[in-house]
Each structure stands twice: as structure tokens, then as C-alpha cells.
Amino acid sequence: MSVTSIWSGLVAGIVIGLLGRLLVPGPTRQVGCILTILIGLVGAAIGTAIGEAADLGSWLTFAVQVVVAALLVAMFGAASRR
């Protein structure tokens, strides 16, 4: 694993996490920056697995990654409000 792949993974996690946060209505202040990046990384991994299993193209796989990240943001936001 090279340094470039680590940085590109972090950037992808940030972008996917932020897009996922934008899709969730209501306040998401309970989900901080680090958690947003981690959610983006997990959403990207799960979305990639779904996209490859379903043989989706790159754009649909990206959309699945963002939707998975949005679901994770909603779950963490709801769990932290309790």
C-alpha cells in the first residue's frame, strides 16, 4: 500500500462522508469530522462491494457509496440523540 493510495482513500472518505451528511435531513452535529470520514470510508467499502457484486458501473457504484454513507450518518445521528 503506497502513500498515494492512503491519501486517495482518505479524500474519498471525506467526500463520500460529506455527501452522505448532506443527504441526511436535520441536524447532524452529533456526527463529528473524524466520524464523518470514518463513515465515508466504511460507506465507500460497503458501496464498492455492493457495486462490484451487482456489476454496476463506476457512477452507480459511487451513488451506492454515498447512499450507504447517508444511511450510516442517519444511524449514528439517531443513536447519539438517545
N, C-alpha and C. Protein backbone atom coordinates (compact mmCIF):
# COMPACT_ATOMS: atom_id res chain seq x y z
N MET A 1 0.85 -1.17 0.00
CA MET A 1 0.00 0.00 0.00
C MET A 1 0.89 1.24 0.00
N SER A 2 0.67 2.10 -0.95
CA SER A 2 1.52 3.28 -1.07
C SER A 2 0.88 4.47 -0.35
N VAL A 3 1.67 5.50 -0.18
CA VAL A 3 1.19 6.72 0.46
C VAL A 3 0.10 7.36 -0.39
N THR A 4 0.23 7.29 -1.69
CA THR A 4 -0.77 7.86 -2.58
C THR A 4 -2.12 7.19 -2.41
N SER A 5 -2.14 5.87 -2.27
CA SER A 5 -3.41 5.18 -2.10
C SER A 5 -4.04 5.49 -0.74
N ILE A 6 -3.22 5.71 0.27
CA ILE A 6 -3.76 6.10 1.58
C ILE A 6 -4.40 7.47 1.50
N TRP A 7 -3.72 8.42 0.85
CA TRP A 7 -4.29 9.77 0.72
C TRP A 7 -5.54 9.77 -0.14
N SER A 8 -5.53 9.01 -1.21
CA SER A 8 -6.73 8.98 -2.06
C SER A 8 -7.89 8.31 -1.34
N GLY A 9 -7.61 7.32 -0.50
CA GLY A 9 -8.66 6.71 0.30
C GLY A 9 -9.24 7.68 1.31
N LEU A 10 -8.38 8.48 1.95
CA LEU A 10 -8.86 9.49 2.89
C LEU A 10 -9.70 10.56 2.21
N VAL A 11 -9.26 11.00 1.04
CA VAL A 11 -10.02 12.01 0.30
C VAL A 11 -11.37 11.44 -0.12
N ALA A 12 -11.38 10.20 -0.58
CA ALA A 12 -12.65 9.57 -0.95
C ALA A 12 -13.55 9.44 0.27
N GLY A 13 -13.00 9.09 1.42
CA GLY A 13 -13.79 9.00 2.64
C GLY A 13 -14.38 10.34 3.03
N ILE A 14 -13.60 11.40 2.89
CA ILE A 14 -14.09 12.74 3.21
C ILE A 14 -15.23 13.13 2.27
N VAL A 15 -15.02 12.96 0.99
CA VAL A 15 -16.02 13.35 0.00
C VAL A 15 -17.31 12.54 0.17
N ILE A 16 -17.18 11.23 0.29
CA ILE A 16 -18.36 10.38 0.41
C ILE A 16 -19.05 10.62 1.74
N GLY A 17 -18.30 10.82 2.81
CA GLY A 17 -18.89 11.12 4.10
C GLY A 17 -19.64 12.45 4.10
N LEU A 18 -19.04 13.47 3.50
CA LEU A 18 -19.71 14.78 3.44
C LEU A 18 -20.96 14.74 2.57
N LEU A 19 -20.89 14.05 1.45
CA LEU A 19 -22.08 13.92 0.61
C LEU A 19 -23.18 13.13 1.34
N GLY A 20 -22.78 12.11 2.07
CA GLY A 20 -23.74 11.36 2.86
C GLY A 20 -24.37 12.22 3.93
N ARG A 21 -23.58 13.09 4.55
CA ARG A 21 -24.10 14.01 5.56
C ARG A 21 -25.07 15.01 4.96
N LEU A 22 -24.79 15.46 3.76
CA LEU A 22 -25.68 16.42 3.09
C LEU A 22 -27.04 15.82 2.76
N LEU A 23 -27.08 14.51 2.53
CA LEU A 23 -28.34 13.86 2.17
C LEU A 23 -29.25 13.63 3.36
N VAL A 24 -28.69 13.64 4.57
CA VAL A 24 -29.49 13.37 5.77
C VAL A 24 -30.12 14.67 6.24
N PRO A 25 -31.47 14.70 6.32
CA PRO A 25 -32.12 15.94 6.79
C PRO A 25 -31.96 16.10 8.30
N GLY A 26 -32.08 17.33 8.74
CA GLY A 26 -31.99 17.61 10.17
C GLY A 26 -30.57 17.83 10.62
N PRO A 27 -30.43 18.17 11.89
CA PRO A 27 -29.08 18.43 12.42
C PRO A 27 -28.27 17.14 12.56
N THR A 28 -27.04 17.21 12.12
CA THR A 28 -26.13 16.07 12.26
C THR A 28 -24.90 16.50 13.05
N ARG A 29 -25.10 17.42 13.99
CA ARG A 29 -23.97 17.92 14.77
C ARG A 29 -23.35 16.84 15.65
N GLN A 30 -24.13 15.80 15.97
CA GLN A 30 -23.60 14.74 16.81
C GLN A 30 -22.53 13.93 16.08
N VAL A 31 -22.52 13.99 14.77
CA VAL A 31 -21.54 13.26 13.97
C VAL A 31 -20.42 14.24 13.63
N GLY A 32 -19.26 14.05 14.27
CA GLY A 32 -18.14 14.96 14.09
C GLY A 32 -17.37 14.70 12.80
N CYS A 33 -16.30 15.46 12.63
CA CYS A 33 -15.50 15.37 11.40
C CYS A 33 -14.81 14.01 11.25
N ILE A 34 -14.20 13.54 12.32
CA ILE A 34 -13.48 12.26 12.24
C ILE A 34 -14.47 11.13 11.98
N LEU A 35 -15.62 11.18 12.67
CA LEU A 35 -16.63 10.15 12.45
C LEU A 35 -17.20 10.22 11.04
N THR A 36 -17.32 11.42 10.50
CA THR A 36 -17.78 11.58 9.12
C THR A 36 -16.81 10.92 8.14
N ILE A 37 -15.52 11.10 8.36
CA ILE A 37 -14.51 10.49 7.50
C ILE A 37 -14.57 8.97 7.63
N LEU A 38 -14.67 8.48 8.87
CA LEU A 38 -14.75 7.03 9.07
C LEU A 38 -16.01 6.45 8.44
N ILE A 39 -17.13 7.15 8.58
CA ILE A 39 -18.37 6.70 7.95
C ILE A 39 -18.22 6.71 6.43
N GLY A 40 -17.55 7.73 5.90
CA GLY A 40 -17.31 7.78 4.45
C GLY A 40 -16.44 6.62 3.98
N LEU A 41 -15.42 6.27 4.76
CA LEU A 41 -14.57 5.14 4.39
C LEU A 41 -15.33 3.82 4.44
N VAL A 42 -16.14 3.64 5.48
CA VAL A 42 -16.94 2.41 5.59
C VAL A 42 -18.00 2.37 4.49
N GLY A 43 -18.63 3.52 4.23
CA GLY A 43 -19.63 3.60 3.16
C GLY A 43 -19.02 3.31 1.80
N ALA A 44 -17.79 3.80 1.60
CA ALA A 44 -17.12 3.53 0.33
C ALA A 44 -16.80 2.05 0.18
N ALA A 45 -16.35 1.42 1.26
CA ALA A 45 -16.02 -0.01 1.19
C ALA A 45 -17.26 -0.85 0.95
N ILE A 46 -18.33 -0.58 1.70
CA ILE A 46 -19.56 -1.35 1.53
C ILE A 46 -20.18 -1.09 0.16
N GLY A 47 -20.19 0.18 -0.26
CA GLY A 47 -20.74 0.52 -1.57
C GLY A 47 -19.95 -0.10 -2.71
N THR A 48 -18.64 -0.17 -2.57
CA THR A 48 -17.82 -0.81 -3.58
C THR A 48 -18.13 -2.30 -3.66
N ALA A 49 -18.28 -2.94 -2.52
CA ALA A 49 -18.62 -4.37 -2.51
C ALA A 49 -19.97 -4.62 -3.17
N ILE A 50 -20.95 -3.77 -2.87
CA ILE A 50 -22.27 -3.91 -3.49
C ILE A 50 -22.19 -3.65 -4.99
N GLY A 51 -21.46 -2.59 -5.37
CA GLY A 51 -21.34 -2.25 -6.78
C GLY A 51 -20.64 -3.32 -7.60
N GLU A 52 -19.60 -3.92 -7.03
CA GLU A 52 -18.90 -4.98 -7.75
C GLU A 52 -19.73 -6.26 -7.80
N ALA A 53 -20.46 -6.56 -6.72
CA ALA A 53 -21.30 -7.76 -6.71
C ALA A 53 -22.45 -7.65 -7.70
N ALA A 54 -22.99 -6.44 -7.84
CA ALA A 54 -24.11 -6.22 -8.76
C ALA A 54 -23.64 -5.84 -10.15
N ASP A 55 -22.33 -5.73 -10.35
CA ASP A 55 -21.73 -5.36 -11.64
C ASP A 55 -22.25 -4.02 -12.14
N LEU A 56 -22.25 -3.03 -11.24
CA LEU A 56 -22.67 -1.68 -11.59
C LEU A 56 -21.48 -0.93 -12.19
N GLY A 57 -21.77 0.13 -12.88
CA GLY A 57 -20.70 0.96 -13.41
C GLY A 57 -20.12 1.84 -12.31
N SER A 58 -19.14 2.63 -12.67
CA SER A 58 -18.46 3.45 -11.67
C SER A 58 -19.37 4.53 -11.08
N TRP A 59 -20.22 5.14 -11.89
CA TRP A 59 -21.10 6.19 -11.37
C TRP A 59 -22.17 5.62 -10.45
N LEU A 60 -22.74 4.48 -10.81
CA LEU A 60 -23.74 3.87 -9.93
C LEU A 60 -23.10 3.36 -8.65
N THR A 61 -21.89 2.86 -8.74
CA THR A 61 -21.18 2.42 -7.54
C THR A 61 -20.93 3.61 -6.62
N PHE A 62 -20.55 4.75 -7.19
CA PHE A 62 -20.35 5.96 -6.40
C PHE A 62 -21.65 6.38 -5.72
N ALA A 63 -22.77 6.30 -6.45
CA ALA A 63 -24.06 6.64 -5.87
C ALA A 63 -24.42 5.70 -4.72
N VAL A 64 -24.13 4.43 -4.88
CA VAL A 64 -24.39 3.45 -3.82
C VAL A 64 -23.51 3.77 -2.60
N GLN A 65 -22.26 4.15 -2.83
CA GLN A 65 -21.37 4.50 -1.73
C GLN A 65 -21.93 5.69 -0.94
N VAL A 66 -22.42 6.70 -1.63
CA VAL A 66 -22.96 7.88 -0.97
C VAL A 66 -24.24 7.54 -0.21
N VAL A 67 -25.09 6.71 -0.79
CA VAL A 67 -26.33 6.32 -0.11
C VAL A 67 -26.01 5.50 1.14
N VAL A 68 -25.05 4.60 1.06
CA VAL A 68 -24.66 3.81 2.23
C VAL A 68 -24.10 4.74 3.31
N ALA A 69 -23.29 5.71 2.92
CA ALA A 69 -22.75 6.66 3.89
C ALA A 69 -23.87 7.49 4.52
N ALA A 70 -24.88 7.89 3.73
CA ALA A 70 -26.01 8.64 4.27
C ALA A 70 -26.79 7.80 5.28
N LEU A 71 -26.98 6.53 4.98
CA LEU A 71 -27.66 5.65 5.93
C LEU A 71 -26.86 5.50 7.22
N LEU A 72 -25.56 5.40 7.10
CA LEU A 72 -24.72 5.29 8.29
C LEU A 72 -24.73 6.57 9.11
N VAL A 73 -24.72 7.73 8.45
CA VAL A 73 -24.80 9.01 9.15
C VAL A 73 -26.13 9.10 9.89
N ALA A 74 -27.22 8.70 9.24
CA ALA A 74 -28.53 8.73 9.89
C ALA A 74 -28.57 7.79 11.10
N MET A 75 -27.98 6.61 10.95
CA MET A 75 -27.96 5.66 12.07
C MET A 75 -27.14 6.19 13.24
N PHE A 76 -25.97 6.73 12.97
CA PHE A 76 -25.14 7.27 14.06
C PHE A 76 -25.76 8.51 14.67
N GLY A 77 -26.39 9.35 13.84
CA GLY A 77 -27.07 10.53 14.36
C GLY A 77 -28.23 10.16 15.27
N ALA A 78 -29.02 9.16 14.87
CA ALA A 78 -30.15 8.73 15.69
C ALA A 78 -29.66 8.06 16.98
N ALA A 79 -28.58 7.30 16.90
CA ALA A 79 -28.07 6.62 18.10
C ALA A 79 -27.49 7.61 19.10
N SER A 80 -26.91 8.69 18.61
CA SER A 80 -26.30 9.66 19.53
C SER A 80 -27.33 10.61 20.14
N ARG A 81 -28.51 10.70 19.57
CA ARG A 81 -29.56 11.57 20.14
C ARG A 81 -30.24 10.94 21.35
N ARG A 82 -30.09 9.65 21.52
CA ARG A 82 -30.76 8.97 22.64
C ARG A 82 -30.15 9.33 23.94
